[in-house]
Amino acid sequence: MIRWFLRQLQDRRYRRTWRQVNTHNFTFPVGRLPLDRVSVDKSRNN
């Protein structure tokens, strides 16, 4: 039960961080990804 609660808190914190990084779009994370390796950027040029 405690593990479930801690996981929920960690997921909520991760989603909040994701939204702060990706304020320009409407994406949301399905799982946890390393934020420094994932780029969902409007000015991304490959």
Protein backbone atom coordinates (compact mmCIF):
# COMPACT_ATOMS: atom_id res chain seq x y z
CA MET A 1 0.00 0.00 0.00
CA ILE A 2 2.78 2.42 0.86
CA ARG A 3 4.66 1.49 -2.31
CA TRP A 4 1.59 2.30 -4.40
CA PHE A 5 1.22 5.67 -2.70
CA LEU A 6 4.89 6.56 -3.22
CA ARG A 7 4.65 5.53 -6.89
CA GLN A 8 1.65 7.81 -7.34
CA LEU A 9 3.56 10.73 -5.82
CA GLN A 10 6.59 10.08 -8.03
CA ASP A 11 4.42 9.85 -11.14
CA ARG A 12 2.64 13.08 -10.29
CA ARG A 13 5.95 14.87 -9.74
CA TYR A 14 7.27 13.53 -13.06
CA ARG A 15 4.15 14.68 -14.94
CA ARG A 16 4.44 18.13 -13.40
CA THR A 17 8.09 18.37 -14.48
CA TRP A 18 7.16 17.15 -17.98
CA ARG A 19 4.50 19.84 -18.30
CA GLN A 20 6.96 22.53 -17.19
CA VAL A 21 9.45 21.42 -19.86
CA ASN A 22 6.81 21.00 -22.60
CA THR A 23 4.51 23.97 -22.04
CA HIS A 24 4.36 24.70 -25.78
CA ASN A 25 2.57 21.45 -26.70
CA PHE A 26 -0.08 19.09 -25.41
CA THR A 27 2.01 15.95 -24.92
CA PHE A 28 1.93 13.89 -21.78
CA PRO A 29 4.16 11.04 -20.66
CA VAL A 30 2.80 7.50 -20.68
CA GLY A 31 5.80 6.14 -18.81
CA ARG A 32 8.86 7.55 -17.20
CA LEU A 33 11.55 8.62 -19.63
CA PRO A 34 14.82 10.38 -18.90
CA LEU A 35 13.98 14.04 -19.53
CA ASP A 36 17.51 14.84 -20.67
CA ARG A 37 17.26 12.22 -23.46
CA VAL A 38 13.75 12.99 -24.70
CA SER A 39 13.01 16.07 -26.75
CA VAL A 40 9.55 17.19 -27.76
CA ASP A 41 10.50 20.62 -28.94
CA LYS A 42 8.82 23.04 -31.33
CA SER A 43 12.19 24.29 -32.62
CA ARG A 44 13.78 20.88 -33.11
CA ASN A 45 15.76 20.73 -36.36
CA ASN A 46 17.10 17.36 -37.52
